[in-house]
């Protein structure tokens, strides 16, 4: 399984998460990119602790990185953020 950040479009949008601030009462991370990477690292740690295989581990890591990707569109509504992502990939 490939690392999701090897996709150039995803990597570009993922990097934009650095400019998305988070509510400090809800997040320890200062921005959405830092949070995304922390979630990916936690997913990997949990996968290892549960003896997941390499493909499962990579899938969970990728999902951790992607879970807030729609925040770059300025919305937290999943159906809208997915549509913004789809339009960028056209």
Protein backbone atom coordinates (compact mmCIF):
# COMPACT_ATOMS: atom_id res chain seq x y z
CA UNK A 1 0.00 0.00 0.00
CA UNK A 2 1.25 3.46 -0.88
CA UNK A 3 1.70 6.32 1.52
CA UNK A 4 -1.11 8.83 0.86
CA UNK A 5 1.29 11.78 0.92
CA UNK A 6 3.00 10.36 -2.19
CA UNK A 7 -0.09 11.59 -4.06
CA UNK A 8 0.91 15.10 -5.17
CA UNK A 9 -2.59 16.58 -4.92
CA UNK A 10 -3.15 15.12 -1.47
CA UNK A 11 0.29 16.28 -0.31
CA UNK A 12 -0.46 19.84 -1.48
CA UNK A 13 -3.82 20.00 0.28
CA UNK A 14 -2.48 18.19 3.35
CA UNK A 15 0.27 20.81 3.69
CA UNK A 16 -2.43 23.52 3.63
CA UNK A 17 -3.69 22.13 6.94
CA UNK A 18 -0.76 23.98 8.55
CA UNK A 19 -2.73 27.19 7.99
CA UNK A 20 -5.87 25.90 9.71
CA UNK A 21 -5.93 26.83 13.39
CA UNK A 22 -7.70 24.65 15.91
CA UNK A 23 -9.63 25.39 19.07
CA UNK A 24 -7.03 25.12 21.87
CA UNK A 25 -9.72 23.95 24.28
CA UNK A 26 -10.25 20.87 22.11
CA UNK A 27 -6.81 20.22 20.59
CA UNK A 28 -3.24 20.13 21.89
CA UNK A 29 -1.95 20.76 18.36
CA UNK A 30 -1.61 24.33 17.17
CA UNK A 31 -2.85 23.60 13.65
CA UNK A 32 -4.68 20.92 11.68
CA UNK A 33 -1.52 19.57 10.02
CA UNK A 34 0.13 18.95 13.38
CA UNK A 35 -3.10 17.34 14.61
CA UNK A 36 -3.37 15.18 11.49
CA UNK A 37 0.17 13.88 11.94
CA UNK A 38 -0.48 13.19 15.63
CA UNK A 39 -3.61 11.20 14.74
CA UNK A 40 -1.64 9.24 12.12
CA UNK A 41 1.08 8.45 14.68
CA UNK A 42 -1.50 7.35 17.25
CA UNK A 43 -3.18 5.13 14.65
CA UNK A 44 0.17 3.47 13.88
CA UNK A 45 0.87 2.92 17.58
CA UNK A 46 -2.56 1.35 18.09
CA UNK A 47 -2.14 -0.81 15.00
CA UNK A 48 1.20 -2.09 16.27
CA UNK A 49 -0.21 -2.71 19.74
CA UNK A 50 -2.94 -4.81 18.16
CA UNK A 51 -0.57 -6.79 15.91
CA UNK A 52 -2.02 -5.40 12.69
CA UNK A 53 -0.31 -6.30 9.45
CA UNK A 54 1.64 -3.84 7.32
CA UNK A 55 -1.27 -3.07 4.98
CA UNK A 56 -3.64 -2.43 7.89
CA UNK A 57 -1.04 -0.25 9.57
CA UNK A 58 -0.52 1.84 6.42
CA UNK A 59 -4.29 2.15 5.87
CA UNK A 60 -4.80 3.42 9.40
CA UNK A 61 -1.87 5.83 9.08
CA UNK A 62 -3.30 7.17 5.81
CA UNK A 63 -6.75 7.56 7.37
CA UNK A 64 -5.22 9.48 10.28
CA UNK A 65 -3.64 11.91 7.85
CA UNK A 66 -6.81 12.26 5.77
CA UNK A 67 -9.45 12.50 8.47
CA UNK A 68 -9.53 16.33 8.59
CA UNK A 69 -8.50 17.10 5.01
CA UNK A 70 -11.79 18.91 4.36
CA UNK A 71 -10.91 21.61 6.88
CA UNK A 72 -8.84 23.30 4.16
CA UNK A 73 -12.13 24.08 2.42
CA UNK A 74 -13.37 26.07 5.41
CA UNK A 75 -16.10 23.60 6.37
CA UNK A 76 -16.39 20.84 8.92
CA UNK A 77 -19.37 19.27 7.15
CA UNK A 78 -18.03 16.02 5.65
CA UNK A 79 -20.31 16.00 2.61
CA UNK A 80 -19.14 19.48 1.62
CA UNK A 81 -15.46 18.93 2.31
CA UNK A 82 -15.44 15.75 0.22
CA UNK A 83 -17.03 17.62 -2.66
CA UNK A 84 -14.34 20.34 -2.45
CA UNK A 85 -11.65 17.66 -2.54
CA UNK A 86 -13.27 15.99 -5.56
CA UNK A 87 -13.44 19.28 -7.49
CA UNK A 88 -9.72 19.92 -6.88
CA UNK A 89 -8.80 16.54 -8.32
CA UNK A 90 -10.59 17.17 -11.65
